[in-house]
Amino acid sequence: MLLLALDTSAAATVALLLDDDVVGRFGSGDTRSHAEVLAPAVQRVLADADVSGSDLDAVIAGVGPGPFTGLRAGLVTARTLSFVWGVPLHGVMSLDALAFEAVAAGAVGGTDFLVGTDARRGEVYWASYRSSGAAVPELLEGPHVGAAGTLPRGLPLVGRAASLYPADVVAVPAFATADPDAVSLGRAAHARLVARQPLLDTTPLYLRESDARVPGPRKRATA
């Protein structure tokens, strides 16, 4: 199964996977240039692998939660590529990708746990999961956005929130600085497709309103 995965819930990331094997990947540490780097990165990853878009079995898009502008850039790109190439498009919650990687690595085996990423403004995007031996962990609650101090207490936490708010959470050290990325997103999608589990559509999980506001009426100049 040949999958192209894109996730822009944190950094802009692209991955081409053949089943679970990474054929090509791209990641940018700049969180403000998603729209500029994403399409050229897809083109380069496919060209390096000598793959065309029509060869793909599906495009996988991370639906967040994440900031409005970056998330929108990734989803618009994924929808456009799926339409142009005529291949299926599936969504995966970006926190699910981190949960999948943590379970696959044996970092949270046999326990309930949290996944938390940076929502900025002193807040965290988070969800809770159950690891019960299955390849795909069960989502128990979420996603939510809120202050780190409001997260359920005592559960191990996977994701960058662990390093940002160490006093408020129980960190999983191997994943204390981890963000969702396209590789883990693609692997999570592949596991669900193989297990014939449903995936999401590409409705974005913004969780907060955009900061953009329609300007109000102009004030009249006084005489």
N, C-alpha and C. Protein backbone atom coordinates (compact mmCIF):
# COMPACT_ATOMS: atom_id res chain seq x y z
N MET A 1 0.85 -1.18 0.00
CA MET A 1 0.00 0.00 0.00
C MET A 1 0.89 1.24 0.00
N LEU A 2 0.77 2.07 -1.02
CA LEU A 2 1.61 3.25 -1.17
C LEU A 2 0.81 4.48 -0.74
N LEU A 3 1.27 5.13 0.33
CA LEU A 3 0.54 6.24 0.93
C LEU A 3 1.40 7.50 0.96
N LEU A 4 0.78 8.62 0.63
CA LEU A 4 1.41 9.93 0.82
C LEU A 4 0.72 10.59 2.00
N ALA A 5 1.49 10.93 3.04
CA ALA A 5 0.93 11.52 4.25
C ALA A 5 1.44 12.95 4.42
N LEU A 6 0.55 13.84 4.85
CA LEU A 6 0.90 15.23 5.13
C LEU A 6 0.35 15.60 6.50
N ASP A 7 1.18 16.22 7.32
CA ASP A 7 0.71 16.73 8.60
C ASP A 7 1.29 18.12 8.83
N THR A 8 0.42 19.09 9.12
CA THR A 8 0.86 20.45 9.40
C THR A 8 0.28 20.97 10.71
N SER A 9 -0.02 20.04 11.63
CA SER A 9 -0.57 20.46 12.92
C SER A 9 0.50 21.10 13.80
N ALA A 10 1.77 20.83 13.51
CA ALA A 10 2.88 21.49 14.20
C ALA A 10 3.80 22.04 13.11
N ALA A 11 4.83 21.30 12.73
CA ALA A 11 5.65 21.67 11.57
C ALA A 11 5.01 21.12 10.30
N ALA A 12 5.53 21.57 9.15
CA ALA A 12 5.09 21.02 7.87
C ALA A 12 5.88 19.76 7.58
N THR A 13 5.20 18.62 7.47
CA THR A 13 5.87 17.34 7.25
C THR A 13 5.17 16.56 6.14
N VAL A 14 5.98 15.82 5.39
CA VAL A 14 5.50 15.00 4.28
C VAL A 14 6.20 13.65 4.38
N ALA A 15 5.48 12.57 4.08
CA ALA A 15 6.11 11.24 4.05
C ALA A 15 5.47 10.38 2.98
N LEU A 16 6.29 9.63 2.30
CA LEU A 16 5.84 8.61 1.35
C LEU A 16 6.16 7.27 1.96
N LEU A 17 5.14 6.42 2.13
CA LEU A 17 5.32 5.13 2.78
C LEU A 17 4.81 4.00 1.91
N LEU A 18 5.57 2.93 1.87
CA LEU A 18 5.12 1.67 1.27
C LEU A 18 4.84 0.74 2.43
N ASP A 19 3.56 0.55 2.73
CA ASP A 19 3.14 -0.11 3.96
C ASP A 19 3.73 0.67 5.15
N ASP A 20 4.56 0.04 5.98
CA ASP A 20 5.15 0.74 7.12
C ASP A 20 6.53 1.31 6.82
N ASP A 21 7.07 1.04 5.64
CA ASP A 21 8.43 1.47 5.31
C ASP A 21 8.42 2.88 4.74
N VAL A 22 9.32 3.71 5.24
CA VAL A 22 9.43 5.09 4.77
C VAL A 22 10.25 5.12 3.49
N VAL A 23 9.62 5.56 2.40
CA VAL A 23 10.29 5.67 1.11
C VAL A 23 10.94 7.05 0.97
N GLY A 24 10.30 8.07 1.50
CA GLY A 24 10.83 9.43 1.45
C GLY A 24 10.13 10.29 2.49
N ARG A 25 10.80 11.34 2.93
CA ARG A 25 10.20 12.20 3.94
C ARG A 25 10.75 13.61 3.87
N PHE A 26 9.99 14.55 4.40
CA PHE A 26 10.40 15.95 4.49
C PHE A 26 9.85 16.52 5.78
N GLY A 27 10.64 17.36 6.44
CA GLY A 27 10.17 18.05 7.62
C GLY A 27 10.78 19.43 7.70
N SER A 28 9.98 20.42 8.07
CA SER A 28 10.46 21.79 8.23
C SER A 28 10.24 22.22 9.66
N GLY A 29 11.26 22.83 10.25
CA GLY A 29 11.13 23.33 11.61
C GLY A 29 10.45 24.68 11.69
N ASP A 30 10.22 25.31 10.55
CA ASP A 30 9.58 26.62 10.51
C ASP A 30 8.07 26.44 10.55
N THR A 31 7.44 26.95 11.58
CA THR A 31 5.99 26.78 11.74
C THR A 31 5.20 27.89 11.07
N ARG A 32 5.87 28.73 10.27
CA ARG A 32 5.16 29.85 9.63
C ARG A 32 5.20 29.80 8.11
N SER A 33 5.72 28.72 7.53
CA SER A 33 5.88 28.68 6.08
C SER A 33 5.24 27.44 5.46
N HIS A 34 4.20 26.92 6.09
CA HIS A 34 3.58 25.68 5.61
C HIS A 34 3.14 25.79 4.15
N ALA A 35 2.46 26.87 3.81
CA ALA A 35 1.91 27.00 2.46
C ALA A 35 3.01 27.08 1.42
N GLU A 36 4.15 27.67 1.77
CA GLU A 36 5.23 27.85 0.80
C GLU A 36 6.02 26.58 0.57
N VAL A 37 6.21 25.76 1.60
CA VAL A 37 7.13 24.62 1.48
C VAL A 37 6.44 23.31 1.15
N LEU A 38 5.13 23.22 1.37
CA LEU A 38 4.48 21.91 1.33
C LEU A 38 4.42 21.32 -0.08
N ALA A 39 3.88 22.06 -1.04
CA ALA A 39 3.75 21.52 -2.40
C ALA A 39 5.11 21.19 -3.02
N PRO A 40 6.13 22.06 -2.92
CA PRO A 40 7.45 21.66 -3.44
C PRO A 40 8.02 20.43 -2.74
N ALA A 41 7.74 20.29 -1.45
CA ALA A 41 8.24 19.11 -0.73
C ALA A 41 7.58 17.83 -1.24
N VAL A 42 6.29 17.88 -1.50
CA VAL A 42 5.59 16.71 -2.05
C VAL A 42 6.19 16.36 -3.41
N GLN A 43 6.38 17.35 -4.24
CA GLN A 43 6.94 17.11 -5.57
C GLN A 43 8.32 16.47 -5.48
N ARG A 44 9.15 16.96 -4.56
CA ARG A 44 10.51 16.42 -4.42
C ARG A 44 10.50 15.00 -3.88
N VAL A 45 9.67 14.74 -2.88
CA VAL A 45 9.61 13.40 -2.29
C VAL A 45 9.16 12.37 -3.33
N LEU A 46 8.15 12.71 -4.13
CA LEU A 46 7.69 11.79 -5.16
C LEU A 46 8.73 11.61 -6.26
N ALA A 47 9.35 12.71 -6.67
CA ALA A 47 10.36 12.62 -7.74
C ALA A 47 11.55 11.78 -7.31
N ASP A 48 11.99 11.95 -6.06
CA ASP A 48 13.14 11.18 -5.57
C ASP A 48 12.84 9.68 -5.56
N ALA A 49 11.56 9.33 -5.35
CA ALA A 49 11.17 7.91 -5.32
C ALA A 49 10.71 7.41 -6.68
N ASP A 50 10.73 8.29 -7.69
CA ASP A 50 10.27 7.94 -9.04
C ASP A 50 8.83 7.43 -9.00
N VAL A 51 8.00 8.18 -8.28
CA VAL A 51 6.58 7.84 -8.11
C VAL A 51 5.75 9.01 -8.61
N SER A 52 4.65 8.72 -9.28
CA SER A 52 3.70 9.76 -9.67
C SER A 52 2.49 9.71 -8.75
N GLY A 53 1.75 10.79 -8.73
CA GLY A 53 0.59 10.85 -7.86
C GLY A 53 -0.43 9.77 -8.13
N SER A 54 -0.60 9.42 -9.39
CA SER A 54 -1.58 8.39 -9.74
C SER A 54 -1.17 6.99 -9.29
N ASP A 55 0.10 6.82 -8.89
CA ASP A 55 0.56 5.53 -8.37
C ASP A 55 0.10 5.29 -6.94
N LEU A 56 -0.32 6.33 -6.26
CA LEU A 56 -0.64 6.23 -4.83
C LEU A 56 -1.95 5.46 -4.61
N ASP A 57 -2.01 4.80 -3.48
CA ASP A 57 -3.26 4.17 -3.06
C ASP A 57 -4.15 5.14 -2.29
N ALA A 58 -3.53 6.15 -1.64
CA ALA A 58 -4.33 7.14 -0.91
C ALA A 58 -3.42 8.29 -0.47
N VAL A 59 -4.06 9.43 -0.23
CA VAL A 59 -3.43 10.57 0.43
C VAL A 59 -3.99 10.63 1.85
N ILE A 60 -3.10 10.78 2.83
CA ILE A 60 -3.50 10.84 4.24
C ILE A 60 -3.20 12.24 4.76
N ALA A 61 -4.16 12.86 5.41
CA ALA A 61 -3.99 14.22 5.92
C ALA A 61 -4.23 14.26 7.42
N GLY A 62 -3.33 14.92 8.14
CA GLY A 62 -3.55 15.16 9.56
C GLY A 62 -4.57 16.27 9.74
N VAL A 63 -5.63 16.01 10.50
CA VAL A 63 -6.72 16.98 10.65
C VAL A 63 -6.60 17.80 11.93
N GLY A 64 -5.48 17.68 12.62
CA GLY A 64 -5.30 18.45 13.84
C GLY A 64 -5.66 17.64 15.07
N PRO A 65 -5.82 18.35 16.17
CA PRO A 65 -5.93 19.79 16.32
C PRO A 65 -4.61 20.53 16.08
N GLY A 66 -4.75 21.79 15.67
CA GLY A 66 -3.59 22.60 15.39
C GLY A 66 -4.00 24.03 15.10
N PRO A 67 -3.02 24.92 14.95
CA PRO A 67 -3.31 26.33 14.64
C PRO A 67 -4.02 26.46 13.29
N PHE A 68 -4.84 27.48 13.16
CA PHE A 68 -5.72 27.64 12.01
C PHE A 68 -4.96 27.69 10.70
N THR A 69 -3.98 28.57 10.59
CA THR A 69 -3.33 28.80 9.29
C THR A 69 -2.55 27.58 8.81
N GLY A 70 -1.71 27.01 9.69
CA GLY A 70 -0.92 25.86 9.29
C GLY A 70 -1.76 24.66 8.94
N LEU A 71 -2.78 24.40 9.75
CA LEU A 71 -3.65 23.24 9.51
C LEU A 71 -4.40 23.39 8.20
N ARG A 72 -4.89 24.58 7.93
CA ARG A 72 -5.63 24.83 6.70
C ARG A 72 -4.74 24.60 5.47
N ALA A 73 -3.48 25.04 5.54
CA ALA A 73 -2.57 24.87 4.41
C ALA A 73 -2.38 23.39 4.08
N GLY A 74 -2.21 22.56 5.10
CA GLY A 74 -2.02 21.14 4.87
C GLY A 74 -3.25 20.46 4.30
N LEU A 75 -4.42 20.82 4.81
CA LEU A 75 -5.64 20.16 4.35
C LEU A 75 -6.03 20.59 2.94
N VAL A 76 -5.84 21.86 2.63
CA VAL A 76 -6.12 22.32 1.26
C VAL A 76 -5.20 21.62 0.27
N THR A 77 -3.92 21.49 0.63
CA THR A 77 -2.98 20.80 -0.26
C THR A 77 -3.38 19.35 -0.46
N ALA A 78 -3.71 18.65 0.62
CA ALA A 78 -4.09 17.24 0.53
C ALA A 78 -5.35 17.06 -0.31
N ARG A 79 -6.34 17.91 -0.11
CA ARG A 79 -7.58 17.80 -0.88
C ARG A 79 -7.34 18.04 -2.36
N THR A 80 -6.50 19.03 -2.66
CA THR A 80 -6.21 19.36 -4.06
C THR A 80 -5.48 18.20 -4.74
N LEU A 81 -4.47 17.64 -4.08
CA LEU A 81 -3.72 16.54 -4.67
C LEU A 81 -4.61 15.32 -4.89
N SER A 82 -5.44 15.01 -3.93
CA SER A 82 -6.35 13.87 -4.05
C SER A 82 -7.28 14.04 -5.25
N PHE A 83 -7.79 15.26 -5.42
CA PHE A 83 -8.71 15.53 -6.54
C PHE A 83 -7.98 15.43 -7.88
N VAL A 84 -6.82 16.06 -7.98
CA VAL A 84 -6.09 16.09 -9.25
C VAL A 84 -5.63 14.69 -9.64
N TRP A 85 -5.16 13.92 -8.67
CA TRP A 85 -4.63 12.58 -8.97
C TRP A 85 -5.72 11.51 -9.03
N GLY A 86 -6.90 11.81 -8.51
CA GLY A 86 -7.98 10.83 -8.52
C GLY A 86 -7.74 9.67 -7.58
N VAL A 87 -7.17 9.95 -6.41
CA VAL A 87 -6.92 8.89 -5.43
C VAL A 87 -7.68 9.20 -4.15
N PRO A 88 -8.00 8.18 -3.34
CA PRO A 88 -8.76 8.41 -2.11
C PRO A 88 -8.02 9.33 -1.14
N LEU A 89 -8.80 10.04 -0.34
CA LEU A 89 -8.28 10.94 0.68
C LEU A 89 -8.86 10.54 2.02
N HIS A 90 -7.98 10.40 3.03
CA HIS A 90 -8.43 10.03 4.38
C HIS A 90 -7.81 11.00 5.39
N GLY A 91 -8.55 11.23 6.47
CA GLY A 91 -8.04 12.05 7.56
C GLY A 91 -7.69 11.20 8.77
N VAL A 92 -6.68 11.64 9.52
CA VAL A 92 -6.29 11.01 10.78
C VAL A 92 -6.08 12.13 11.79
N MET A 93 -6.62 11.99 12.99
CA MET A 93 -6.34 12.99 14.01
C MET A 93 -4.85 12.95 14.34
N SER A 94 -4.23 14.10 14.36
CA SER A 94 -2.79 14.16 14.53
C SER A 94 -2.34 13.60 15.88
N LEU A 95 -3.13 13.75 16.92
CA LEU A 95 -2.79 13.17 18.22
C LEU A 95 -2.82 11.65 18.16
N ASP A 96 -3.70 11.08 17.33
CA ASP A 96 -3.75 9.63 17.16
C ASP A 96 -2.42 9.09 16.63
N ALA A 97 -1.76 9.88 15.77
CA ALA A 97 -0.49 9.44 15.19
C ALA A 97 0.58 9.30 16.27
N LEU A 98 0.64 10.25 17.19
CA LEU A 98 1.59 10.15 18.30
C LEU A 98 1.25 8.99 19.21
N ALA A 99 -0.03 8.80 19.47
CA ALA A 99 -0.45 7.67 20.31
C ALA A 99 -0.04 6.35 19.69
N PHE A 100 -0.22 6.23 18.38
CA PHE A 100 0.16 5.00 17.68
C PHE A 100 1.66 4.74 17.80
N GLU A 101 2.47 5.78 17.61
CA GLU A 101 3.92 5.62 17.68
C GLU A 101 4.36 5.21 19.08
N ALA A 102 3.76 5.78 20.10
CA ALA A 102 4.14 5.45 21.47
C ALA A 102 3.81 4.01 21.81
N VAL A 103 2.65 3.53 21.35
CA VAL A 103 2.28 2.14 21.59
C VAL A 103 3.19 1.20 20.80
N ALA A 104 3.47 1.55 19.54
CA ALA A 104 4.32 0.71 18.71
C ALA A 104 5.72 0.58 19.30
N ALA A 105 6.19 1.64 19.98
CA ALA A 105 7.52 1.63 20.59
C ALA A 105 7.54 0.96 21.96
N GLY A 106 6.36 0.57 22.46
CA GLY A 106 6.29 -0.05 23.78
C GLY A 106 6.47 0.92 24.92
N ALA A 107 6.28 2.22 24.65
CA ALA A 107 6.53 3.24 25.68
C ALA A 107 5.38 3.36 26.67
N VAL A 108 4.18 2.90 26.29
CA VAL A 108 3.01 3.05 27.17
C VAL A 108 2.20 1.76 27.18
N GLY A 109 2.84 0.64 27.14
CA GLY A 109 2.14 -0.63 27.05
C GLY A 109 1.25 -0.92 28.25
N GLY A 110 0.03 -1.36 27.97
CA GLY A 110 -0.87 -1.85 29.02
C GLY A 110 -1.38 -0.80 29.98
N THR A 111 -1.52 0.45 29.52
CA THR A 111 -1.98 1.48 30.44
C THR A 111 -2.73 2.56 29.68
N ASP A 112 -3.58 3.30 30.40
CA ASP A 112 -4.17 4.51 29.83
C ASP A 112 -3.11 5.59 29.83
N PHE A 113 -3.19 6.49 28.84
CA PHE A 113 -2.19 7.55 28.76
C PHE A 113 -2.77 8.75 28.03
N LEU A 114 -2.04 9.85 28.08
CA LEU A 114 -2.43 11.09 27.42
C LEU A 114 -1.47 11.39 26.29
N VAL A 115 -1.96 12.10 25.30
CA VAL A 115 -1.12 12.72 24.28
C VAL A 115 -1.39 14.21 24.35
N GLY A 116 -0.31 15.00 24.43
CA GLY A 116 -0.47 16.44 24.54
C GLY A 116 0.55 17.18 23.71
N THR A 117 0.09 18.16 22.94
CA THR A 117 0.98 18.96 22.10
C THR A 117 0.78 20.44 22.40
N ASP A 118 1.67 21.25 21.88
CA ASP A 118 1.68 22.67 22.18
C ASP A 118 0.55 23.39 21.44
N ALA A 119 -0.36 24.01 22.21
CA ALA A 119 -1.42 24.82 21.62
C ALA A 119 -1.12 26.30 21.74
N ARG A 120 0.08 26.62 22.28
CA ARG A 120 0.49 28.00 22.51
C ARG A 120 -0.45 28.66 23.52
N ARG A 121 -0.18 29.92 23.84
CA ARG A 121 -0.98 30.67 24.82
C ARG A 121 -1.04 29.98 26.17
N GLY A 122 -0.03 29.14 26.47
CA GLY A 122 -0.02 28.43 27.74
C GLY A 122 -0.99 27.27 27.79
N GLU A 123 -1.44 26.79 26.62
CA GLU A 123 -2.42 25.71 26.58
C GLU A 123 -1.89 24.50 25.82
N VAL A 124 -2.65 23.40 25.92
CA VAL A 124 -2.26 22.12 25.36
C VAL A 124 -3.43 21.54 24.57
N TYR A 125 -3.14 20.99 23.38
CA TYR A 125 -4.09 20.12 22.71
C TYR A 125 -3.89 18.72 23.29
N TRP A 126 -4.96 18.06 23.73
CA TRP A 126 -4.75 16.76 24.35
C TRP A 126 -5.93 15.81 24.12
N ALA A 127 -5.62 14.54 24.28
CA ALA A 127 -6.62 13.47 24.24
C ALA A 127 -6.11 12.33 25.09
N SER A 128 -7.02 11.48 25.56
CA SER A 128 -6.62 10.32 26.36
C SER A 128 -6.90 9.04 25.58
N TYR A 129 -6.04 8.02 25.85
CA TYR A 129 -6.07 6.78 25.09
C TYR A 129 -5.92 5.59 26.03
N ARG A 130 -6.27 4.41 25.50
CA ARG A 130 -6.06 3.14 26.21
C ARG A 130 -5.24 2.21 25.34
N SER A 131 -4.15 1.73 25.90
CA SER A 131 -3.31 0.74 25.22
C SER A 131 -3.68 -0.63 25.76
N SER A 132 -4.30 -1.45 24.92
CA SER A 132 -4.79 -2.76 25.38
C SER A 132 -4.20 -3.91 24.59
N GLY A 133 -3.05 -3.69 23.96
CA GLY A 133 -2.41 -4.74 23.19
C GLY A 133 -2.72 -4.68 21.71
N ALA A 134 -3.73 -3.90 21.31
CA ALA A 134 -4.04 -3.75 19.89
C ALA A 134 -3.05 -2.80 19.25
N ALA A 135 -2.88 -2.94 17.93
CA ALA A 135 -1.94 -2.07 17.22
C ALA A 135 -2.38 -0.62 17.26
N VAL A 136 -3.70 -0.39 17.24
CA VAL A 136 -4.23 0.97 17.25
C VAL A 136 -4.83 1.25 18.61
N PRO A 137 -4.28 2.20 19.37
CA PRO A 137 -4.83 2.48 20.70
C PRO A 137 -6.24 3.06 20.62
N GLU A 138 -7.01 2.82 21.67
CA GLU A 138 -8.40 3.28 21.72
C GLU A 138 -8.46 4.71 22.24
N LEU A 139 -9.14 5.57 21.50
CA LEU A 139 -9.37 6.94 21.95
C LEU A 139 -10.46 6.94 23.02
N LEU A 140 -10.12 7.45 24.20
CA LEU A 140 -11.08 7.49 25.30
C LEU A 140 -11.80 8.83 25.40
N GLU A 141 -11.05 9.92 25.21
CA GLU A 141 -11.62 11.25 25.38
C GLU A 141 -10.82 12.25 24.58
N GLY A 142 -11.51 13.23 24.02
CA GLY A 142 -10.84 14.29 23.31
C GLY A 142 -11.10 14.23 21.82
N PRO A 143 -10.48 15.18 21.09
CA PRO A 143 -9.46 16.11 21.56
C PRO A 143 -10.04 17.34 22.25
N HIS A 144 -9.23 17.91 23.14
CA HIS A 144 -9.58 19.12 23.87
C HIS A 144 -8.42 20.10 23.77
N VAL A 145 -8.70 21.34 24.16
CA VAL A 145 -7.65 22.33 24.34
C VAL A 145 -7.87 22.99 25.70
N GLY A 146 -6.77 23.13 26.45
CA GLY A 146 -6.89 23.74 27.77
C GLY A 146 -5.55 23.86 28.45
N ALA A 147 -5.53 24.49 29.60
CA ALA A 147 -4.29 24.67 30.36
C ALA A 147 -3.76 23.32 30.82
N ALA A 148 -2.43 23.21 30.88
CA ALA A 148 -1.82 21.93 31.28
C ALA A 148 -2.27 21.50 32.66
N GLY A 149 -2.53 22.46 33.54
CA GLY A 149 -2.95 22.13 34.89
C GLY A 149 -4.32 21.50 34.99
N THR A 150 -5.09 21.52 33.89
CA THR A 150 -6.44 20.94 33.91
C THR A 150 -6.48 19.53 33.35
N LEU A 151 -5.32 18.99 32.91
CA LEU A 151 -5.29 17.64 32.36
C LEU A 151 -5.54 16.61 33.47
N PRO A 152 -6.09 15.44 33.11
CA PRO A 152 -6.26 14.38 34.10
C PRO A 152 -4.93 14.04 34.77
N ARG A 153 -4.95 13.89 36.07
CA ARG A 153 -3.72 13.70 36.84
C ARG A 153 -3.27 12.24 36.86
N GLY A 154 -1.97 12.05 36.90
CA GLY A 154 -1.40 10.74 37.15
C GLY A 154 -1.17 9.87 35.94
N LEU A 155 -1.66 10.27 34.78
CA LEU A 155 -1.48 9.46 33.57
C LEU A 155 -0.21 9.89 32.83
N PRO A 156 0.56 8.94 32.30
CA PRO A 156 1.73 9.31 31.51
C PRO A 156 1.32 10.09 30.27
N LEU A 157 2.16 11.07 29.91
CA LEU A 157 1.83 11.93 28.79
C LEU A 157 2.88 11.83 27.70
N VAL A 158 2.42 11.60 26.47
CA VAL A 158 3.25 11.54 25.27
C VAL A 158 3.10 12.85 24.53
N GLY A 159 4.22 13.45 24.10
CA GLY A 159 4.13 14.66 23.29
C GLY A 159 4.85 15.84 23.91
N ARG A 160 5.01 16.90 23.12
CA ARG A 160 5.81 18.06 23.51
C ARG A 160 5.31 18.75 24.76
N ALA A 161 4.04 18.62 25.08
CA ALA A 161 3.53 19.24 26.30
C ALA A 161 4.27 18.76 27.54
N ALA A 162 4.83 17.56 27.48
CA ALA A 162 5.56 17.01 28.63
C ALA A 162 6.81 17.83 28.94
N SER A 163 7.48 18.34 27.91
CA SER A 163 8.68 19.15 28.14
C SER A 163 8.33 20.61 28.42
N LEU A 164 7.18 21.06 27.94
CA LEU A 164 6.78 22.44 28.16
C LEU A 164 6.21 22.67 29.56
N TYR A 165 5.55 21.66 30.10
CA TYR A 165 4.87 21.81 31.40
C TYR A 165 5.22 20.63 32.31
N PRO A 166 6.50 20.44 32.63
CA PRO A 166 6.93 19.25 33.39
C PRO A 166 6.33 19.17 34.79
N ALA A 167 5.97 20.31 35.36
CA ALA A 167 5.42 20.29 36.72
C ALA A 167 3.97 19.81 36.75
N ASP A 168 3.31 19.81 35.59
CA ASP A 168 1.88 19.51 35.55
C ASP A 168 1.56 18.12 35.03
N VAL A 169 2.57 17.41 34.48
CA VAL A 169 2.28 16.13 33.82
C VAL A 169 3.33 15.09 34.20
N VAL A 170 3.02 13.82 33.87
CA VAL A 170 3.96 12.72 34.05
C VAL A 170 4.51 12.38 32.67
N ALA A 171 5.75 12.75 32.40
CA ALA A 171 6.30 12.63 31.06
C ALA A 171 6.66 11.19 30.72
N VAL A 172 6.50 10.84 29.46
CA VAL A 172 7.09 9.64 28.88
C VAL A 172 8.39 10.10 28.23
N PRO A 173 9.55 9.85 28.87
CA PRO A 173 10.79 10.50 28.44
C PRO A 173 11.11 10.37 26.95
N ALA A 174 10.90 9.21 26.38
CA ALA A 174 11.25 9.00 24.97
C ALA A 174 10.41 9.84 24.02
N PHE A 175 9.28 10.35 24.50
CA PHE A 175 8.38 11.13 23.65
C PHE A 175 8.10 12.51 24.23
N ALA A 176 8.98 13.00 25.10
CA ALA A 176 8.72 14.25 25.80
C ALA A 176 8.83 15.48 24.90
N THR A 177 9.48 15.37 23.75
CA THR A 177 9.58 16.50 22.82
C THR A 177 8.96 16.17 21.47
N ALA A 178 8.16 15.13 21.40
CA ALA A 178 7.63 14.66 20.12
C ALA A 178 6.43 15.49 19.66
N ASP A 179 6.42 15.77 18.37
CA ASP A 179 5.27 16.38 17.71
C ASP A 179 4.69 15.38 16.70
N PRO A 180 3.42 15.52 16.36
CA PRO A 180 2.88 14.69 15.27
C PRO A 180 3.66 14.96 13.98
N ASP A 181 3.88 13.91 13.19
CA ASP A 181 4.50 14.12 11.88
C ASP A 181 3.90 13.15 10.87
N ALA A 182 4.28 13.36 9.61
CA ALA A 182 3.66 12.61 8.53
C ALA A 182 3.99 11.13 8.56
N VAL A 183 5.18 10.76 9.06
CA VAL A 183 5.54 9.34 9.12
C VAL A 183 4.62 8.59 10.07
N SER A 184 4.47 9.08 11.29
CA SER A 184 3.59 8.40 12.25
C SER A 184 2.14 8.47 11.79
N LEU A 185 1.76 9.55 11.12
CA LEU A 185 0.40 9.67 10.59
C LEU A 185 0.14 8.59 9.55
N GLY A 186 1.10 8.41 8.63
CA GLY A 186 0.94 7.39 7.59
C GLY A 186 0.89 5.99 8.16
N ARG A 187 1.73 5.72 9.17
CA ARG A 187 1.72 4.39 9.78
C ARG A 187 0.43 4.12 10.52
N ALA A 188 -0.09 5.13 11.21
CA ALA A 188 -1.37 4.96 11.89
C ALA A 188 -2.49 4.70 10.89
N ALA A 189 -2.48 5.42 9.78
CA ALA A 189 -3.50 5.21 8.75
C ALA A 189 -3.38 3.83 8.14
N HIS A 190 -2.16 3.38 7.87
CA HIS A 190 -1.97 2.05 7.29
C HIS A 190 -2.51 0.97 8.22
N ALA A 191 -2.21 1.09 9.53
CA ALA A 191 -2.69 0.09 10.49
C ALA A 191 -4.22 0.03 10.49
N ARG A 192 -4.87 1.17 10.39
CA ARG A 192 -6.33 1.19 10.40
C ARG A 192 -6.90 0.65 9.10
N LEU A 193 -6.27 0.97 8.00
CA LEU A 193 -6.74 0.44 6.72
C LEU A 193 -6.61 -1.08 6.67
N VAL A 194 -5.49 -1.60 7.16
CA VAL A 194 -5.28 -3.05 7.18
C VAL A 194 -6.30 -3.73 8.09
N ALA A 195 -6.60 -3.08 9.22
CA ALA A 195 -7.58 -3.63 10.17
C ALA A 195 -9.02 -3.34 9.77
N ARG A 196 -9.19 -2.66 8.63
CA ARG A 196 -10.52 -2.28 8.13
C ARG A 196 -11.27 -1.43 9.14
N GLN A 197 -10.54 -0.57 9.82
CA GLN A 197 -11.15 0.39 10.73
C GLN A 197 -11.41 1.69 9.99
N PRO A 198 -12.47 2.39 10.34
CA PRO A 198 -12.79 3.63 9.61
C PRO A 198 -11.78 4.74 9.90
N LEU A 199 -11.50 5.53 8.89
CA LEU A 199 -10.70 6.73 9.06
C LEU A 199 -11.62 7.94 9.01
N LEU A 200 -11.07 9.11 9.26
CA LEU A 200 -11.86 10.33 9.30
C LEU A 200 -11.96 10.96 7.91
N ASP A 201 -12.88 11.92 7.77
CA ASP A 201 -12.82 12.79 6.62
C ASP A 201 -11.80 13.91 6.93
N THR A 202 -11.74 14.94 6.15
CA THR A 202 -10.71 15.95 6.38
C THR A 202 -11.28 17.24 6.96
N THR A 203 -12.32 17.11 7.78
CA THR A 203 -12.81 18.26 8.53
C THR A 203 -11.76 18.66 9.57
N PRO A 204 -11.30 19.91 9.55
CA PRO A 204 -10.23 20.31 10.46
C PRO A 204 -10.70 20.43 11.91
N LEU A 205 -9.80 20.05 12.82
CA LEU A 205 -10.06 20.18 14.26
C LEU A 205 -9.30 21.41 14.77
N TYR A 206 -9.92 22.58 14.60
CA TYR A 206 -9.26 23.80 15.04
C TYR A 206 -9.36 23.97 16.56
N LEU A 207 -10.51 23.62 17.13
CA LEU A 207 -10.81 23.70 18.56
C LEU A 207 -10.90 25.12 19.10
N ARG A 208 -10.27 26.07 18.42
CA ARG A 208 -10.39 27.48 18.81
C ARG A 208 -10.77 28.28 17.58
N GLU A 209 -11.38 29.43 17.81
CA GLU A 209 -11.71 30.32 16.70
C GLU A 209 -10.44 30.94 16.14
N SER A 210 -10.48 31.29 14.86
CA SER A 210 -9.36 31.98 14.25
C SER A 210 -9.14 33.33 14.92
N ASP A 211 -7.87 33.77 14.97
CA ASP A 211 -7.56 35.09 15.51
C ASP A 211 -8.00 36.21 14.57
N ALA A 212 -8.22 35.87 13.31
CA ALA A 212 -8.60 36.89 12.34
C ALA A 212 -9.99 37.43 12.66
N ARG A 213 -10.18 38.71 12.50
CA ARG A 213 -11.46 39.35 12.76
C ARG A 213 -11.82 40.27 11.61
N VAL A 214 -13.12 40.32 11.31
CA VAL A 214 -13.59 41.27 10.30
C VAL A 214 -13.49 42.67 10.88
N PRO A 215 -12.85 43.60 10.15
CA PRO A 215 -12.71 44.96 10.70
C PRO A 215 -14.08 45.59 10.95
N GLY A 216 -14.15 46.36 12.01
CA GLY A 216 -15.39 47.08 12.30
C GLY A 216 -15.52 48.32 11.44
N PRO A 217 -16.64 49.01 11.56
CA PRO A 217 -16.83 50.24 10.76
C PRO A 217 -15.81 51.30 11.15
N ARG A 218 -15.41 52.08 10.18
CA ARG A 218 -14.45 53.15 10.45
C ARG A 218 -15.07 54.22 11.33
N LYS A 219 -14.24 54.74 12.20
CA LYS A 219 -14.72 55.83 13.05
C LYS A 219 -14.80 57.12 12.24
N ARG A 220 -15.81 57.86 12.50
CA ARG A 220 -15.96 59.14 11.81
C ARG A 220 -14.99 60.16 12.39
N ALA A 221 -14.36 60.86 11.50
CA ALA A 221 -13.44 61.91 11.96
C ALA A 221 -14.24 63.03 12.58
N THR A 222 -13.76 63.55 13.69
CA THR A 222 -14.46 64.66 14.34
C THR A 222 -13.98 65.97 13.75
N ALA A 223 -14.83 66.94 13.82
CA ALA A 223 -14.48 68.26 13.25
C ALA A 223 -13.44 68.95 14.13
